[in-house]
Structure formats: structure tokens, C-alpha cells
Amino acid sequence: MIYLERKGLPTVSIASSGFQKDTVATAKAFGMETAPFVTIPCVITSVSPEESSREIEKQIDSIINGLTNPDSLRIDSSDEEAYRTDGPSITFQGKDKLDAWENFNKDFLDKGWGDGFPLIPPTEERVNLILSGTTLSPEHIVGHLPPGMGIATVKKIAISCAMAGCEPSHLPVIIAACKSIIQMGGRARQWLMSTSPDAPFMLINGPIVDELGINSKQATLGPGRQSRVNIILGRALRLTLMNVGHNYPGEMDMDTIGSAAKFSLCAAESQDNLPTIWPQFHTSKGFSQSSSTVTVGGVRNIIDAADLNNYEPEPLLRGVSGAITGRGGYASLRWSDPDPYDPEGGTGTIVILAPDHAEICAKEGWSKEMVRDFLWANTKVSAASLQNSFRTNPSFLLKPWRWILDLPNDQARTTEFPGFERPDKIELMSFGGPAGKSMVMFLNGPTQTVEISDRA
């Protein structure tokens, strides 16, 4: 739409009810000051082609009017409050400091600037303290942060860190996480703006894990004092995505149901919690063992892969493969048109082997690559599941694969395909406490790893 408008061709978008604010905000973020669109009452998903046509036909006159008289449908978004690059300081008063703090929280949460939990006031003194954690200038521009492409200066990131409860030493981690998302580009916009519950997952590797006290052991992704730093870091990234990246619920975040993982999802690996022969995850991305890095990915859903019985690698890993297979083939292989933001095709998954499970494999001489390749070879998708995904709209399935739709039921159930395009689509990590409880986290696209730098 924006590409055509820049070429001088008028366009009109069709927005579903409930997506109007998102339409305006997205147009603004991608360079259009005004957004011509018509609204239909239903979301065009899981509805018949006939119903879709009926709803759109009702808007034909408005669409024609918008194309021939564009100003009639344009909604000006140039004065959107959320897109101010700076603003005056705000003072909150009350009968005492607690009352003033409560007034601050109510105001910020009412404006949508918080995550729903109480915030720490980002006073000038507090923000300056956070800024002391990096050698970068407060005005240094890290980049344009998706999905709203907000200008991510170090100071803006520090403000969100202050509200989340960060310490100065945490700031470089969040700066690196922002760099990771910026480097993803359009792929990050897809999972950040999705109607699925995609949550930003962070994995921290290297010496910084012990230096900052990031939990890599029991309940790594859970609540409690042992994961305090993990929770704060995950929350700081969430607030930064909202207030710098304009990733607000109902406006550039159109999640249907939501997920508690969106509040904070931060983990770490540490070498003392890994088998001796297994290197940390970031070495698979080309970094040295001594580098400190952050890896970010859009996690769609999480499955427990428990096995308290098997003590040999093959039966143990077959069970993990079964958990991965639950993802289905719809979004795993390149069945439909290649994604312009992921030209290699297909999405992937994170497999978190619990330390007990990792040790079972390692003591039998299995490297991480051997584990990954075995999981890939044993993760299968049936033709029957693909039929279920594509039968009602076969045009979404690439022509070379449409023969699958014609398979009889018995043959479709026994015809299987790899669950992922390649073995490296399975990203293997290990952290957590004792017990044979591994985990599978399905990704919307690839992860991105960045070195944590510019630490004061």
C-alpha cells in the first residue's frame, strides 16, 4: 500500500472492526501521515469466501470513492501523541510521597505506557543513574525499533529500564536486545504485530550471566528471588518495545488472546550448568565462549517435554521430537509462498534440554549437533495435518505440493514429511534445575544474537 502510494497510485485499505487504531498507527510508522481505509465488521479469518465477498461488496462504493477522491477517507495521524519524539517533564503531587507515586502510576498506566504492574518513576536522577551503565552517549541512536520504527536513543531505552527496576549494569543488555530486534527488520515486525501471542524471548550467554546474577538454574523463566534479574531484564525489553517501538496492545500489537510470557521471558545459560563437552549456545552463532551476548526470538507458544523414565539418548529424544511435532507443518516448512523477510524458508523452534536430559546425551558422547540432527530426523508432519490446514483454501499451498490434498485418508495419515526445512531450524539450548523436564518453544522466525558491548 505505502509502496504504491509513493508511486503516485491511490490506495484504500480494508480494515476489520477493532483494527482501526492499528491501521492508522501502522501507516504512520511506515511513513504515511494519512491512512485511507474502509472498515468491515468482521475479521477475514476462518470465514467462507462467500461471506468475505459479501462484506467487501458492501464497501465497494466507499472504496471507489476513496480511490477517486482520496481525501474523503484519509484520517490524519500526524498529531498522534504516541509518536512524539520528546516532551516536557511531568510532575506528580499527592498528600504524601506514596500518594504521588500512586498518581504517577495511574497516569502512566491510563496512558498505556506501562505493562499493568506498578512502575518505578523515571526521574531525571534515576535515568541518569541508569545511563551511567554504558559508555554510549544518551543521545546515541541505536536504530529504529520495530514495529513502529521509533527512534531508539540510549536515553529512551534507559527510561524504560528505569521504570522496570533496572540497575545501571542492566542497560547494555537491553541496548543489545534492541539491536537484535532492529537487525531482524521486517521479520521482527511480523511477530511483534501478530494476532498470535508472540513474546520476545531473551537468552543471555557469557561471563555477564554470573556478573549480573542472571538465573540459569531452577525456575529460570519463573518468578521469585532467584530470577529477579531475569524478570527485570525481560520487563525492561517489554516496556522499551511499547514506549520506543510503539508496540501497544490494540495498536501495533493485535494479539487475540495474549500470553503471560509477554511480561517477561528472559533466561541464561552458564557453563557450570552444561555438560562438559557442550559449549554455550552463542558459540553456534559464531561468538567466542568468552563473549557476552543476548539472543532474541519471537516465541509463539511453549510446551513441556517431560521424561522421567528414559536414561538413554534415543528414546529420550524421540519423546522430545513428539513435543515438537505438536507444532504441525503449517508454519514449519515452505509449503506456501516464501516469506520475503525469511527467504531461506520455514520457521523454527527452540528446544531447551533440561540439564539432566542434556547430561544423558553428553555422557554417551552425543554432541549438541548430534542431538539436533536426531531431533530433526524424528520430527515428522503427516500429510493429513497439511490437508487440514490447506484444504479450505488450497491457493495458499504452492502448486508443487497440491498433490497432498488429493491423497486418500489412509495414505495421508501414513505419509510424513520433515517438520522443519533443515536441522539448523532447531535451536538447542540447556538451562534449568534438576529433573527431567525439558521444554519446546515454537518460534515465529529465526533468532538473532548480538554481542553485549559498551559497558561502563
Protein backbone atom coordinates (compact mmCIF):
# COMPACT_ATOMS: atom_id res chain seq x y z
CA MET A 1 0.00 0.00 0.00
CA ILE A 2 2.66 2.51 1.04
CA TYR A 3 4.88 1.48 -1.89
CA LEU A 4 2.02 2.15 -4.33
CA GLU A 5 1.16 5.49 -2.71
CA ARG A 6 4.79 6.58 -3.07
CA LYS A 7 4.50 5.77 -6.78
CA GLY A 8 1.53 8.12 -7.00
CA LEU A 9 -1.13 5.39 -7.12
CA PRO A 10 -4.07 5.90 -4.75
CA THR A 11 -4.94 3.03 -2.43
CA VAL A 12 -7.63 2.15 0.08
CA SER A 13 -7.06 -0.37 2.85
CA ILE A 14 -9.75 -2.68 4.19
CA ALA A 15 -9.61 -2.75 7.99
CA SER A 16 -11.61 -5.05 10.21
CA SER A 17 -13.53 -3.64 13.14
CA GLY A 18 -11.17 -3.33 16.09
CA PHE A 19 -8.15 -2.73 13.85
CA GLN A 20 -8.80 0.94 13.05
CA LYS A 21 -6.26 2.36 15.50
CA ASP A 22 -3.74 -0.21 14.36
CA THR A 23 -4.28 0.80 10.73
CA VAL A 24 -3.62 4.46 11.48
CA ALA A 25 -0.61 3.74 13.71
CA THR A 26 0.92 1.35 11.18
CA ALA A 27 0.54 3.84 8.34
CA LYS A 28 2.25 6.48 10.46
CA ALA A 29 5.08 4.15 11.44
CA PHE A 30 5.77 3.19 7.83
CA GLY A 31 5.82 6.75 6.51
CA MET A 32 2.23 7.76 5.71
CA GLU A 33 0.86 10.77 7.54
CA THR A 34 -2.66 9.85 6.49
CA ALA A 35 -4.36 6.48 6.16
CA PRO A 36 -7.31 5.97 3.76
CA PHE A 37 -9.31 2.90 4.72
CA VAL A 38 -12.80 1.43 4.98
CA THR A 39 -13.99 -0.73 7.86
CA ILE A 40 -15.77 -4.07 7.68
CA PRO A 41 -17.41 -5.58 10.78
CA CYS A 42 -15.68 -8.98 10.76
CA VAL A 43 -12.09 -10.18 10.70
CA ILE A 44 -11.49 -12.09 7.47
CA THR A 45 -10.18 -15.26 9.09
CA SER A 46 -11.98 -18.60 9.32
CA VAL A 47 -14.88 -17.28 7.25
CA SER A 48 -16.12 -18.59 3.93
CA PRO A 49 -15.14 -16.86 0.67
CA GLU A 50 -18.80 -16.03 0.15
CA GLU A 51 -19.08 -14.21 3.47
CA SER A 52 -15.84 -12.33 2.78
CA SER A 53 -17.15 -11.22 -0.60
CA ARG A 54 -20.47 -10.07 0.88
CA GLU A 55 -18.77 -7.88 3.48
CA ILE A 56 -16.38 -6.32 0.98
CA GLU A 57 -19.11 -5.74 -1.61
CA LYS A 58 -20.94 -3.59 0.95
CA GLN A 59 -17.95 -1.24 0.91
CA ILE A 60 -17.40 -1.09 -2.86
CA ASP A 61 -18.89 2.41 -3.22
CA SER A 62 -16.72 3.71 -0.37
CA ILE A 63 -13.64 2.06 -1.87
CA ILE A 64 -14.30 3.62 -5.28
CA ASN A 65 -14.93 6.98 -3.62
CA GLY A 66 -11.65 6.67 -1.73
CA LEU A 67 -9.70 5.85 -4.87
CA THR A 68 -11.20 8.71 -6.88
CA ASN A 69 -11.37 11.19 -4.00
CA PRO A 70 -8.61 10.05 -1.61
CA ASP A 71 -9.07 12.83 0.93
CA SER A 72 -12.59 11.58 1.71
CA LEU A 73 -11.24 8.56 3.60
CA ARG A 74 -7.95 9.86 4.92
CA ILE A 75 -7.52 10.03 8.68
CA ASP A 76 -4.71 12.32 9.78
CA SER A 77 -2.29 10.61 12.14
CA SER A 78 0.37 13.30 12.18
CA ASP A 79 -0.55 14.54 15.64
CA GLU A 80 -0.67 11.13 17.32
CA GLU A 81 0.52 11.62 20.91
CA ALA A 82 2.34 8.29 20.91
CA TYR A 83 4.72 9.49 18.20
CA ARG A 84 6.15 12.48 20.00
CA THR A 85 9.94 12.23 20.00
CA ASP A 86 10.31 14.28 23.17
CA GLY A 87 8.20 16.07 25.71
CA PRO A 88 8.31 18.12 28.88
CA SER A 89 8.93 16.61 32.28
CA ILE A 90 5.80 15.71 34.25
CA THR A 91 5.38 16.40 37.96
CA PHE A 92 3.04 14.38 40.16
CA GLN A 93 1.79 15.56 43.51
CA GLY A 94 -0.13 14.00 46.37
CA LYS A 95 -0.75 14.31 50.07
CA ASP A 96 2.48 12.34 50.60
CA LYS A 97 5.14 10.58 48.51
CA LEU A 98 3.16 7.34 48.35
CA ASP A 99 0.10 9.19 47.08
CA ALA A 100 2.22 10.99 44.45
CA TRP A 101 3.69 7.65 43.36
CA GLU A 102 0.21 6.16 43.03
CA ASN A 103 -0.91 9.18 40.98
CA PHE A 104 2.12 8.71 38.71
CA ASN A 105 1.30 5.05 38.19
CA LYS A 106 -2.35 5.71 37.47
CA ASP A 107 -1.48 8.36 34.90
CA PHE A 108 1.14 6.26 33.11
CA LEU A 109 -0.99 3.13 33.11
CA ASP A 110 -4.06 5.07 31.94
CA LYS A 111 -1.97 6.39 29.02
CA GLY A 112 -0.88 2.86 28.15
CA TRP A 113 2.79 3.47 28.97
CA GLY A 114 3.06 0.56 31.39
CA ASP A 115 2.64 -3.20 31.40
CA GLY A 116 -0.07 -3.26 34.08
CA PHE A 117 2.29 -3.73 37.03
CA PRO A 118 3.41 -0.81 39.23
CA LEU A 119 6.20 1.25 37.68
CA ILE A 120 9.22 2.95 39.20
CA PRO A 121 9.16 6.70 38.39
CA PRO A 122 11.77 7.50 35.71
CA THR A 123 13.01 10.64 37.46
CA GLU A 124 15.91 12.56 35.97
CA GLU A 125 18.17 11.33 38.76
CA ARG A 126 17.10 7.71 38.26
CA VAL A 127 17.53 7.85 34.47
CA ASN A 128 20.98 9.44 34.79
CA LEU A 129 21.96 6.65 37.17
CA ILE A 130 20.88 4.04 34.63
CA LEU A 131 22.79 5.88 31.89
CA SER A 132 25.98 5.52 33.91
CA GLY A 133 25.94 1.82 32.99
CA THR A 134 27.06 2.44 29.40
CA THR A 135 29.83 4.36 27.67
CA LEU A 136 27.41 5.46 24.96
CA SER A 137 26.04 9.00 24.82
CA PRO A 138 22.41 9.41 25.96
CA GLU A 139 21.57 10.81 22.51
CA HIS A 140 23.27 7.99 20.63
CA ILE A 141 20.75 6.42 18.22
CA VAL A 142 20.73 2.64 18.47
CA GLY A 143 18.37 2.42 15.49
CA HIS A 144 14.70 2.45 14.51
CA LEU A 145 12.95 -0.02 16.79
CA PRO A 146 10.19 -2.21 15.31
CA PRO A 147 7.35 -2.44 14.94
CA GLY A 148 6.65 1.32 14.98
CA MET A 149 10.19 2.21 13.94
CA GLY A 150 10.60 4.61 16.86
CA ILE A 151 13.96 6.33 17.19
CA ALA A 152 15.68 4.29 19.89
CA THR A 153 18.14 6.56 21.63
CA VAL A 154 20.13 5.30 24.59
CA LYS A 155 18.23 7.70 26.86
CA LYS A 156 14.81 6.46 25.73
CA ILE A 157 15.87 2.89 26.40
CA ALA A 158 17.21 3.96 29.80
CA ILE A 159 13.84 5.49 30.71
CA SER A 160 12.08 2.15 30.17
CA CYS A 161 14.86 0.40 32.09
CA ALA A 162 14.32 2.80 34.99
CA MET A 163 10.58 2.08 35.05
CA ALA A 164 11.26 -1.68 35.05
CA GLY A 165 13.56 -1.50 38.07
CA CYS A 166 16.88 -2.00 36.27
CA GLU A 167 20.31 -1.31 37.68
CA PRO A 168 22.90 0.58 35.58
CA SER A 169 24.69 -2.65 34.64
CA HIS A 170 21.49 -3.92 33.01
CA LEU A 171 21.30 -1.15 30.39
CA PRO A 172 23.85 -2.62 27.92
CA VAL A 173 21.87 -5.88 27.87
CA ILE A 174 18.68 -4.10 26.81
CA ILE A 175 20.56 -1.98 24.27
CA ALA A 176 21.93 -5.20 22.75
CA ALA A 177 18.45 -6.77 22.76
CA CYS A 178 17.12 -3.73 20.88
CA LYS A 179 19.96 -4.07 18.36
CA SER A 180 18.97 -7.69 17.86
CA ILE A 181 15.35 -6.78 17.10
CA ILE A 182 16.42 -3.90 14.85
CA GLN A 183 18.66 -6.26 12.87
CA MET A 184 15.68 -8.60 12.35
CA GLY A 185 13.90 -5.80 10.50
CA GLY A 186 10.64 -6.83 8.86
CA ARG A 187 10.69 -10.27 10.43
CA ALA A 188 10.52 -8.71 13.89
CA ARG A 189 7.59 -6.55 12.80
CA GLN A 190 5.70 -9.69 11.82
CA TRP A 191 5.85 -11.33 15.23
CA LEU A 192 5.57 -8.13 17.22
CA MET A 193 2.39 -7.10 15.36
CA SER A 194 0.90 -10.59 15.10
CA THR A 195 -2.55 -11.66 16.24
CA SER A 196 -0.75 -14.63 17.83
CA PRO A 197 0.73 -14.42 21.35
CA ASP A 198 4.33 -13.96 20.15
CA ALA A 199 6.56 -12.89 23.04
CA PRO A 200 10.13 -11.56 22.95
CA PHE A 201 12.42 -14.22 24.42
CA MET A 202 15.94 -13.33 25.56
CA LEU A 203 18.79 -15.77 26.18
CA ILE A 204 21.89 -14.33 27.84
CA ASN A 205 25.25 -16.07 27.41
CA GLY A 206 28.81 -15.49 28.53
CA PRO A 207 30.57 -14.09 31.61
CA ILE A 208 27.88 -11.43 32.11
CA VAL A 209 25.49 -14.14 33.35
CA ASP A 210 27.41 -14.61 36.59
CA GLU A 211 28.44 -10.95 36.82
CA LEU A 212 24.82 -9.75 36.87
CA GLY A 213 23.40 -12.72 38.76
CA ILE A 214 21.12 -13.86 35.93
CA ASN A 215 19.49 -17.16 36.84
CA SER A 216 20.34 -20.13 34.63
CA LYS A 217 19.21 -22.83 37.02
CA GLN A 218 15.93 -23.74 38.73
CA ALA A 219 12.82 -21.83 37.58
CA THR A 220 14.90 -19.79 35.14
CA LEU A 221 11.77 -18.45 33.45
CA GLY A 222 9.69 -18.32 36.62
CA PRO A 223 9.01 -15.90 39.47
CA GLY A 224 10.90 -15.49 42.72
CA ARG A 225 14.05 -14.00 44.14
CA GLN A 226 16.35 -16.33 42.20
CA SER A 227 15.04 -14.90 38.90
CA ARG A 228 14.78 -11.25 39.94
CA VAL A 229 17.31 -10.05 37.36
CA ASN A 230 15.76 -12.21 34.62
CA ILE A 231 12.34 -10.73 35.33
CA ILE A 232 13.62 -7.15 35.38
CA LEU A 233 15.51 -7.57 32.10
CA GLY A 234 12.52 -9.13 30.34
CA ARG A 235 10.24 -6.42 31.65
CA ALA A 236 12.64 -3.68 30.54
CA LEU A 237 12.61 -5.03 26.99
CA ARG A 238 8.80 -5.20 27.03
CA LEU A 239 8.48 -1.56 28.19
CA THR A 240 11.05 -0.46 25.60
CA LEU A 241 9.15 -2.20 22.82
CA MET A 242 6.00 -0.43 23.95
CA ASN A 243 7.25 3.08 24.59
CA VAL A 244 10.01 3.27 21.96
CA GLY A 245 8.80 0.71 19.42
CA HIS A 246 5.10 1.70 19.80
CA ASN A 247 4.15 -1.96 20.36
CA TYR A 248 0.96 -1.20 22.31
CA PRO A 249 -1.87 -3.74 22.73
CA GLY A 250 -4.60 -2.87 20.25
CA GLU A 251 -2.19 -0.63 18.35
CA MET A 252 0.62 -2.41 16.51
CA ASP A 253 0.13 -5.42 18.81
CA MET A 254 -3.08 -7.14 17.77
CA ASP A 255 -2.70 -10.27 19.90
CA THR A 256 -6.01 -12.18 20.02
CA ILE A 257 -5.83 -13.77 23.48
CA GLY A 258 -2.46 -12.74 24.88
CA SER A 259 0.19 -14.53 26.88
CA ALA A 260 1.76 -14.07 30.30
CA ALA A 261 5.09 -14.69 28.53
CA LYS A 262 4.81 -11.17 27.12
CA PHE A 263 5.50 -9.64 30.53
CA SER A 264 8.99 -11.14 30.79
CA LEU A 265 10.74 -14.09 29.16
CA CYS A 266 14.45 -14.00 29.90
CA ALA A 267 16.79 -16.95 30.51
CA ALA A 268 20.51 -17.64 30.64
CA GLU A 269 22.98 -20.42 30.08
CA SER A 270 26.02 -20.91 32.32
CA GLN A 271 28.87 -23.29 31.66
CA ASP A 272 28.69 -24.86 35.11
CA ASN A 273 25.13 -25.96 34.32
CA LEU A 274 26.04 -27.57 30.97
CA PRO A 275 27.67 -30.90 30.16
CA THR A 276 31.46 -30.54 29.96
CA ILE A 277 31.57 -31.35 26.24
CA TRP A 278 28.80 -28.92 25.31
CA PRO A 279 29.63 -25.29 24.52
CA GLN A 280 27.19 -22.50 25.24
CA PHE A 281 24.53 -21.58 22.68
CA HIS A 282 26.15 -18.37 21.44
CA THR A 283 29.18 -20.25 20.09
CA SER A 284 26.85 -21.78 17.48
CA LYS A 285 26.28 -18.23 16.24
CA GLY A 286 29.98 -17.55 15.75
CA PHE A 287 30.82 -15.92 19.09
CA SER A 288 33.62 -16.99 21.40
CA GLN A 289 32.91 -18.68 24.71
CA SER A 290 34.25 -15.57 26.47
CA SER A 291 31.87 -13.17 24.69
CA SER A 292 28.72 -11.93 26.42
CA THR A 293 25.70 -11.99 24.13
CA VAL A 294 21.94 -11.69 24.02
CA THR A 295 19.79 -13.75 21.67
CA VAL A 296 16.23 -12.62 20.90
CA GLY A 297 13.43 -14.53 19.22
CA GLY A 298 9.67 -14.28 18.89
CA VAL A 299 8.22 -17.21 20.88
CA ARG A 300 4.69 -18.20 19.93
CA ASN A 301 3.90 -20.96 22.43
CA ILE A 302 5.58 -23.22 24.97
CA ILE A 303 5.24 -26.97 25.56
CA ASP A 304 6.55 -29.05 28.46
CA ALA A 305 8.59 -32.04 27.25
CA ALA A 306 8.78 -34.20 30.36
CA ASP A 307 10.53 -37.56 30.54
CA LEU A 308 11.34 -39.02 33.96
CA ASN A 309 11.82 -42.59 32.74
CA ASN A 310 14.28 -42.89 29.85
CA TYR A 311 18.01 -42.87 30.57
CA GLU A 312 19.33 -43.40 27.03
CA PRO A 313 19.52 -40.66 24.37
CA GLU A 314 17.42 -42.15 21.57
CA PRO A 315 14.16 -42.92 23.41
CA LEU A 316 14.52 -39.72 25.39
CA LEU A 317 14.91 -37.57 22.28
CA ARG A 318 12.08 -39.34 20.46
CA GLY A 319 9.81 -38.06 23.21
CA VAL A 320 11.10 -34.52 22.71
CA SER A 321 10.50 -34.90 18.96
CA GLY A 322 6.91 -35.78 19.76
CA ALA A 323 6.51 -32.48 21.60
CA ILE A 324 7.98 -30.61 18.62
CA THR A 325 5.60 -32.36 16.22
CA GLY A 326 2.71 -30.68 18.02
CA ARG A 327 3.61 -27.56 16.11
CA GLY A 328 2.33 -29.11 12.89
CA GLY A 329 3.62 -28.44 9.41
CA TYR A 330 1.54 -25.41 8.55
CA ALA A 331 4.18 -22.90 9.64
CA SER A 332 7.21 -25.18 9.67
CA LEU A 333 8.00 -25.99 6.05
CA ARG A 334 7.92 -23.89 2.94
CA TRP A 335 4.50 -25.07 1.87
CA SER A 336 3.25 -21.61 0.90
CA ASP A 337 4.83 -18.56 -0.72
CA PRO A 338 8.35 -17.82 0.55
CA ASP A 339 8.43 -15.20 3.28
CA PRO A 340 10.20 -12.04 1.99
CA TYR A 341 11.60 -11.49 5.50
CA ASP A 342 12.85 -15.08 5.78
CA PRO A 343 13.90 -16.05 2.23
CA GLU A 344 15.54 -19.27 3.44
CA GLY A 345 12.04 -20.52 4.15
CA GLY A 346 10.23 -22.00 7.10
CA THR A 347 10.30 -21.04 10.73
CA GLY A 348 11.95 -22.91 13.58
CA THR A 349 11.79 -23.91 17.19
CA ILE A 350 13.82 -23.64 20.38
CA VAL A 351 14.47 -26.87 22.25
CA ILE A 352 15.57 -26.36 25.86
CA LEU A 353 17.03 -29.58 27.16
CA ALA A 354 16.90 -29.75 30.93
CA PRO A 355 20.42 -30.28 32.37
CA ASP A 356 19.52 -33.85 33.38
CA HIS A 357 18.43 -34.65 29.82
CA ALA A 358 21.49 -32.92 28.35
CA GLU A 359 23.77 -34.96 30.61
CA ILE A 360 22.15 -38.24 29.50
CA CYS A 361 23.05 -37.37 25.91
CA ALA A 362 26.51 -36.00 26.63
CA LYS A 363 27.72 -38.94 28.72
CA GLU A 364 27.00 -41.19 25.72
CA GLY A 365 29.15 -38.91 23.56
CA TRP A 366 26.33 -37.07 21.81
CA SER A 367 27.32 -33.55 20.77
CA LYS A 368 24.74 -30.78 20.50
CA GLU A 369 24.84 -31.17 16.71
CA MET A 370 24.10 -34.90 17.00
CA VAL A 371 21.14 -34.19 19.28
CA ARG A 372 19.81 -31.52 16.93
CA ASP A 373 20.15 -33.74 13.86
CA PHE A 374 18.39 -36.63 15.63
CA LEU A 375 15.52 -34.37 16.67
CA TRP A 376 15.15 -33.11 13.10
CA ALA A 377 15.17 -36.62 11.64
CA ASN A 378 12.48 -37.77 14.08
CA THR A 379 10.18 -34.75 13.91
CA LYS A 380 7.57 -35.60 11.29
CA VAL A 381 4.42 -33.97 9.98
CA SER A 382 1.70 -36.05 8.36
CA ALA A 383 0.07 -35.20 5.07
CA ALA A 384 -3.26 -35.42 6.93
CA SER A 385 -2.35 -32.42 9.09
CA LEU A 386 -1.40 -30.45 5.98
CA GLN A 387 -4.70 -31.36 4.35
CA ASN A 388 -6.48 -29.99 7.39
CA SER A 389 -4.54 -26.72 7.15
CA PHE A 390 -4.93 -26.07 3.43
CA ARG A 391 -8.00 -27.90 2.11
CA THR A 392 -10.40 -24.98 2.56
CA ASN A 393 -8.02 -22.61 0.77
CA PRO A 394 -5.70 -24.61 -1.49
CA SER A 395 -4.43 -21.47 -3.24
CA PHE A 396 -2.21 -20.86 -0.19
CA LEU A 397 -0.38 -24.12 -0.94
CA LEU A 398 2.39 -23.98 -3.55
CA LYS A 399 1.45 -25.85 -6.73
CA PRO A 400 4.19 -28.50 -6.41
CA TRP A 401 2.65 -29.60 -3.11
CA ARG A 402 -1.05 -29.61 -4.03
CA TRP A 403 -0.99 -33.33 -4.77
CA ILE A 404 -1.08 -33.76 -0.99
CA LEU A 405 -4.70 -32.60 -0.97
CA ASP A 406 -5.71 -35.49 -3.25
CA LEU A 407 -4.29 -38.26 -1.07
CA PRO A 408 -6.90 -40.68 0.33
CA ASN A 409 -7.31 -40.59 4.11
CA ASP A 410 -5.38 -43.78 4.89
CA GLN A 411 -2.43 -42.72 2.75
CA ALA A 412 -2.46 -39.17 4.12
CA ARG A 413 -2.17 -40.48 7.66
CA THR A 414 0.93 -42.55 6.83
CA THR A 415 2.70 -40.09 4.50
CA GLU A 416 5.14 -37.98 6.50
CA PHE A 417 7.43 -35.03 5.90
CA PRO A 418 10.21 -33.42 7.97
CA GLY A 419 8.83 -30.94 10.47
CA PHE A 420 11.41 -28.32 9.54
CA GLU A 421 13.23 -27.20 6.43
CA ARG A 422 16.69 -28.03 7.83
CA PRO A 423 18.24 -29.29 11.08
CA ASP A 424 19.56 -25.83 11.94
CA LYS A 425 15.97 -24.64 12.28
CA ILE A 426 16.07 -26.37 15.67
CA GLU A 427 17.91 -24.08 18.11
CA LEU A 428 19.25 -26.15 21.01
CA MET A 429 19.78 -24.65 24.48
CA SER A 430 20.13 -26.00 28.00
CA PHE A 431 19.25 -24.39 31.31
CA GLY A 432 17.06 -25.04 34.34
CA GLY A 433 17.13 -27.09 37.53
CA PRO A 434 17.21 -30.80 38.33
CA ALA A 435 14.53 -33.19 36.99
CA GLY A 436 13.79 -34.47 33.53
CA LYS A 437 11.58 -31.64 32.33
CA SER A 438 12.70 -30.18 29.01
CA MET A 439 10.79 -27.56 27.05
CA VAL A 440 9.93 -26.67 23.46
CA MET A 441 9.30 -23.06 22.44
CA PHE A 442 7.94 -22.52 18.95
CA LEU A 443 9.38 -19.56 17.08
CA ASN A 444 7.91 -17.13 14.61
CA GLY A 445 11.02 -16.74 12.50
CA PRO A 446 14.72 -17.02 13.29
CA THR A 447 16.53 -15.74 16.36
CA GLN A 448 19.19 -13.02 16.29
CA THR A 449 22.30 -12.93 18.51
CA VAL A 450 24.20 -9.72 19.32
CA GLU A 451 27.24 -9.10 21.50
CA ILE A 452 26.69 -7.03 24.64
CA SER A 453 29.09 -4.10 24.39
CA ASP A 454 29.73 -0.54 25.58
CA ARG A 455 29.57 -1.49 29.25
CA ALA A 456 30.79 1.16 31.66
